[in-house]
Amino acid sequence: MNATVTEARSVVVEREFAHAPDKLWRALTQPHLIEEWLMKNDFAPVVGHRFNLRGDWGGVLDCEVLAVEPGRVLSYTWNFTHEDSDYDLRSVVTFTLTPTAAGTHLRMEQAGFRPDQKQAFGGAKVGWQQFLGKLEDVVARGA
């Protein structure tokens, strides 16, 4: 194993939802719902599908679906390169859904931050809390 892999950092956010895994899965995989809590996109829950996430801030993330286990696991690359700098984030986002007595336990992990990417790492820690708060609203609305 090389040092860059060993030193990579992850942001992990875990949250309980008072909704069944299938409701959460819909919000994680339906493009119009993803847009409501995350970003505009051309997502499809198909391994190998390449898609973009387009932020309100003008940035575009290049992504590829890596794993799809309906109602259980969704994973995709989350890559962002900024032309005007040497900013280059190559990471993987994985959502893991576990049924609970009260609904669903969601674990989101974004892995692959290099030690020198402190700003991106800090931004992801804050950003994912906000994204998952919006996800909660979308699911609660019964979307």
C-alpha atoms as a PDB file:
ATOM      1  CA  MET A   1       0.000   0.000   0.000  1.00  0.00           C
ATOM      2  CA  ASN A   2       1.463   3.377  -0.874  1.00  0.00           C
ATOM      3  CA  ALA A   3       1.588   6.338   1.490  1.00  0.00           C
ATOM      4  CA  THR A   4      -1.015   8.460  -0.292  1.00  0.00           C
ATOM      5  CA  VAL A   5      -3.667   5.779   0.169  1.00  0.00           C
ATOM      6  CA  THR A   6      -2.675   5.199   3.796  1.00  0.00           C
ATOM      7  CA  GLU A   7      -2.786   8.921   4.581  1.00  0.00           C
ATOM      8  CA  ALA A   8      -6.120   9.589   2.898  1.00  0.00           C
ATOM      9  CA  ARG A   9      -8.804  10.933   5.198  1.00  0.00           C
ATOM     10  CA  SER A  10     -12.544  10.385   5.245  1.00  0.00           C
ATOM     11  CA  VAL A  11     -15.556  12.422   6.284  1.00  0.00           C
ATOM     12  CA  VAL A  12     -18.208  10.229   7.895  1.00  0.00           C
ATOM     13  CA  VAL A  13     -21.698  11.461   8.777  1.00  0.00           C
ATOM     14  CA  GLU A  14     -24.244   9.131  10.342  1.00  0.00           C
ATOM     15  CA  ARG A  15     -27.881   9.970  10.807  1.00  0.00           C
ATOM     16  CA  GLU A  16     -31.092   8.222  11.856  1.00  0.00           C
ATOM     17  CA  PHE A  17     -34.163   8.656   9.664  1.00  0.00           C
ATOM     18  CA  ALA A  18     -37.694   7.837  10.815  1.00  0.00           C
ATOM     19  CA  HIS A  19     -38.442   6.443   7.358  1.00  0.00           C
ATOM     20  CA  ALA A  20     -38.097   3.052   5.672  1.00  0.00           C
ATOM     21  CA  PRO A  21     -34.947   2.403   3.592  1.00  0.00           C
ATOM     22  CA  ASP A  22     -36.936   2.403   0.325  1.00  0.00           C
ATOM     23  CA  LYS A  23     -38.067   6.020   0.884  1.00  0.00           C
ATOM     24  CA  LEU A  24     -34.502   7.095   1.574  1.00  0.00           C
ATOM     25  CA  TRP A  25     -33.271   5.107  -1.435  1.00  0.00           C
ATOM     26  CA  ARG A  26     -35.662   6.990  -3.729  1.00  0.00           C
ATOM     27  CA  ALA A  27     -34.283  10.330  -2.539  1.00  0.00           C
ATOM     28  CA  LEU A  28     -30.713   9.077  -3.058  1.00  0.00           C
ATOM     29  CA  THR A  29     -31.324   7.775  -6.587  1.00  0.00           C
ATOM     30  CA  GLN A  30     -34.053   9.837  -8.317  1.00  0.00           C
ATOM     31  CA  PRO A  31     -32.484  12.780 -10.216  1.00  0.00           C
ATOM     32  CA  HIS A  32     -35.281  15.267  -9.447  1.00  0.00           C
ATOM     33  CA  LEU A  33     -35.054  14.419  -5.722  1.00  0.00           C
ATOM     34  CA  ILE A  34     -31.226  14.493  -5.702  1.00  0.00           C
ATOM     35  CA  GLU A  35     -31.473  18.017  -7.108  1.00  0.00           C
ATOM     36  CA  GLU A  36     -33.622  19.069  -4.139  1.00  0.00           C
ATOM     37  CA  TRP A  37     -31.110  18.025  -1.464  1.00  0.00           C
ATOM     38  CA  LEU A  38     -27.734  17.868  -3.234  1.00  0.00           C
ATOM     39  CA  MET A  39     -27.211  19.367  -6.706  1.00  0.00           C
ATOM     40  CA  LYS A  40     -28.480  19.384 -10.279  1.00  0.00           C
ATOM     41  CA  ASN A  41     -27.472  16.121 -11.920  1.00  0.00           C
ATOM     42  CA  ASP A  42     -27.912  13.523 -14.637  1.00  0.00           C
ATOM     43  CA  PHE A  43     -27.659  10.564 -12.267  1.00  0.00           C
ATOM     44  CA  ALA A  44     -28.828   7.015 -12.987  1.00  0.00           C
ATOM     45  CA  PRO A  45     -28.439   4.170 -10.452  1.00  0.00           C
ATOM     46  CA  VAL A  46     -26.457   1.979 -12.851  1.00  0.00           C
ATOM     47  CA  VAL A  47     -22.890   0.804 -12.167  1.00  0.00           C
ATOM     48  CA  GLY A  48     -20.536   2.469 -14.647  1.00  0.00           C
ATOM     49  CA  HIS A  49     -22.905   5.384 -15.388  1.00  0.00           C
ATOM     50  CA  ARG A  50     -20.962   8.646 -15.632  1.00  0.00           C
ATOM     51  CA  PHE A  51     -22.767  11.758 -14.441  1.00  0.00           C
ATOM     52  CA  ASN A  52     -22.211  15.335 -13.309  1.00  0.00           C
ATOM     53  CA  LEU A  53     -23.287  17.142 -10.185  1.00  0.00           C
ATOM     54  CA  ARG A  54     -23.618  20.873 -10.844  1.00  0.00           C
ATOM     55  CA  GLY A  55     -23.379  23.199  -7.865  1.00  0.00           C
ATOM     56  CA  ASP A  56     -25.076  26.571  -7.493  1.00  0.00           C
ATOM     57  CA  TRP A  57     -21.553  27.966  -7.081  1.00  0.00           C
ATOM     58  CA  GLY A  58     -20.780  27.094 -10.706  1.00  0.00           C
ATOM     59  CA  GLY A  59     -18.628  24.048 -10.054  1.00  0.00           C
ATOM     60  CA  VAL A  60     -19.125  20.703 -11.767  1.00  0.00           C
ATOM     61  CA  LEU A  61     -18.244  17.370 -10.187  1.00  0.00           C
ATOM     62  CA  ASP A  62     -17.379  14.450 -12.451  1.00  0.00           C
ATOM     63  CA  CYS A  63     -18.815  11.242 -11.042  1.00  0.00           C
ATOM     64  CA  GLU A  64     -19.183   7.571 -11.889  1.00  0.00           C
ATOM     65  CA  VAL A  65     -21.437   5.044 -10.168  1.00  0.00           C
ATOM     66  CA  LEU A  66     -19.330   2.337  -8.519  1.00  0.00           C
ATOM     67  CA  ALA A  67     -21.862   0.260  -6.559  1.00  0.00           C
ATOM     68  CA  VAL A  68     -25.638  -0.109  -6.452  1.00  0.00           C
ATOM     69  CA  GLU A  69     -27.326  -2.481  -4.005  1.00  0.00           C
ATOM     70  CA  PRO A  70     -30.949  -1.250  -3.989  1.00  0.00           C
ATOM     71  CA  GLY A  71     -32.070  -0.157  -0.550  1.00  0.00           C
ATOM     72  CA  ARG A  72     -28.631  -0.859   0.928  1.00  0.00           C
ATOM     73  CA  VAL A  73     -25.524   0.643  -0.706  1.00  0.00           C
ATOM     74  CA  LEU A  74     -24.848   3.405  -3.218  1.00  0.00           C
ATOM     75  CA  SER A  75     -21.321   4.492  -4.087  1.00  0.00           C
ATOM     76  CA  TYR A  76     -19.883   6.879  -6.669  1.00  0.00           C
ATOM     77  CA  THR A  77     -16.767   8.849  -7.416  1.00  0.00           C
ATOM     78  CA  TRP A  78     -16.791  12.550  -6.479  1.00  0.00           C
ATOM     79  CA  ASN A  79     -14.087  14.270  -8.493  1.00  0.00           C
ATOM     80  CA  PHE A  80     -13.510  17.984  -8.803  1.00  0.00           C
ATOM     81  CA  THR A  81     -10.730  19.815 -10.603  1.00  0.00           C
ATOM     82  CA  HIS A  82     -10.418  23.590 -10.679  1.00  0.00           C
ATOM     83  CA  GLU A  83      -8.849  24.920 -13.887  1.00  0.00           C
ATOM     84  CA  ASP A  84      -7.432  28.071 -12.262  1.00  0.00           C
ATOM     85  CA  SER A  85      -5.551  26.247  -9.520  1.00  0.00           C
ATOM     86  CA  ASP A  86      -3.920  22.933  -8.794  1.00  0.00           C
ATOM     87  CA  TYR A  87      -6.995  21.926  -6.789  1.00  0.00           C
ATOM     88  CA  ASP A  88      -7.744  18.301  -7.574  1.00  0.00           C
ATOM     89  CA  LEU A  89     -10.093  16.263  -5.391  1.00  0.00           C
ATOM     90  CA  ARG A  90     -10.482  12.564  -6.179  1.00  0.00           C
ATOM     91  CA  SER A  91     -12.814  10.925  -3.710  1.00  0.00           C
ATOM     92  CA  VAL A  92     -15.529   8.311  -3.333  1.00  0.00           C
ATOM     93  CA  VAL A  93     -18.894   8.865  -1.653  1.00  0.00           C
ATOM     94  CA  THR A  94     -20.646   5.814  -0.198  1.00  0.00           C
ATOM     95  CA  PHE A  95     -24.118   5.740   1.329  1.00  0.00           C
ATOM     96  CA  THR A  96     -24.948   2.701   3.467  1.00  0.00           C
ATOM     97  CA  LEU A  97     -28.551   2.173   4.608  1.00  0.00           C
ATOM     98  CA  THR A  98     -29.340  -0.120   7.528  1.00  0.00           C
ATOM     99  CA  PRO A  99     -32.949  -0.809   8.582  1.00  0.00           C
ATOM    100  CA  THR A 100     -33.680  -0.057  12.238  1.00  0.00           C
ATOM    101  CA  ALA A 101     -36.731  -0.468  14.442  1.00  0.00           C
ATOM    102  CA  ALA A 102     -37.473   3.256  14.013  1.00  0.00           C
ATOM    103  CA  GLY A 103     -36.627   3.531  10.315  1.00  0.00           C
ATOM    104  CA  THR A 104     -33.174   3.697   8.726  1.00  0.00           C
ATOM    105  CA  HIS A 105     -29.620   4.376   9.839  1.00  0.00           C
ATOM    106  CA  LEU A 106     -27.745   6.216   7.067  1.00  0.00           C
ATOM    107  CA  ARG A 107     -23.961   6.268   6.981  1.00  0.00           C
ATOM    108  CA  MET A 108     -22.338   8.578   4.436  1.00  0.00           C
ATOM    109  CA  GLU A 109     -18.602   8.379   3.908  1.00  0.00           C
ATOM    110  CA  GLN A 110     -16.565  10.549   1.562  1.00  0.00           C
ATOM    111  CA  ALA A 111     -13.124   8.960   1.339  1.00  0.00           C
ATOM    112  CA  GLY A 112      -9.950  10.072  -0.369  1.00  0.00           C
ATOM    113  CA  PHE A 113      -8.982  13.477   1.025  1.00  0.00           C
ATOM    114  CA  ARG A 114      -5.222  13.986   0.950  1.00  0.00           C
ATOM    115  CA  PRO A 115      -3.618  15.451   4.100  1.00  0.00           C
ATOM    116  CA  ASP A 116      -2.958  18.748   2.238  1.00  0.00           C
ATOM    117  CA  GLN A 117      -6.671  19.126   1.386  1.00  0.00           C
ATOM    118  CA  LYS A 118      -7.658  20.587   4.756  1.00  0.00           C
ATOM    119  CA  GLN A 119     -10.024  23.157   3.246  1.00  0.00           C
ATOM    120  CA  ALA A 120     -11.861  20.567   1.137  1.00  0.00           C
ATOM    121  CA  PHE A 121     -12.008  18.194   4.119  1.00  0.00           C
ATOM    122  CA  GLY A 122     -13.433  20.914   6.392  1.00  0.00           C
ATOM    123  CA  GLY A 123     -15.887  21.996   3.709  1.00  0.00           C
ATOM    124  CA  ALA A 124     -17.099  18.427   3.263  1.00  0.00           C
ATOM    125  CA  LYS A 125     -17.657  18.008   7.012  1.00  0.00           C
ATOM    126  CA  VAL A 126     -19.919  21.065   7.065  1.00  0.00           C
ATOM    127  CA  GLY A 127     -21.424  20.494   3.621  1.00  0.00           C
ATOM    128  CA  TRP A 128     -22.559  16.926   4.228  1.00  0.00           C
ATOM    129  CA  GLN A 129     -24.344  17.939   7.444  1.00  0.00           C
ATOM    130  CA  GLN A 130     -26.271  20.519   5.394  1.00  0.00           C
ATOM    131  CA  PHE A 131     -26.942  18.114   2.507  1.00  0.00           C
ATOM    132  CA  LEU A 132     -28.253  15.417   4.842  1.00  0.00           C
ATOM    133  CA  GLY A 133     -30.445  17.959   6.632  1.00  0.00           C
ATOM    134  CA  LYS A 134     -32.022  18.786   3.264  1.00  0.00           C
ATOM    135  CA  LEU A 135     -32.295  15.059   2.492  1.00  0.00           C
ATOM    136  CA  GLU A 136     -34.259  14.652   5.723  1.00  0.00           C
ATOM    137  CA  ASP A 137     -36.668  17.379   4.586  1.00  0.00           C
ATOM    138  CA  VAL A 138     -37.143  15.764   1.149  1.00  0.00           C
ATOM    139  CA  VAL A 139     -37.865  12.327   2.658  1.00  0.00           C
ATOM    140  CA  ALA A 140     -40.129  13.761   5.381  1.00  0.00           C
ATOM    141  CA  ARG A 141     -42.195  15.509   2.706  1.00  0.00           C
ATOM    142  CA  GLY A 142     -42.899  12.093   1.253  1.00  0.00           C
ATOM    143  CA  ALA A 143     -41.248  12.895  -2.058  1.00  0.00           C
END
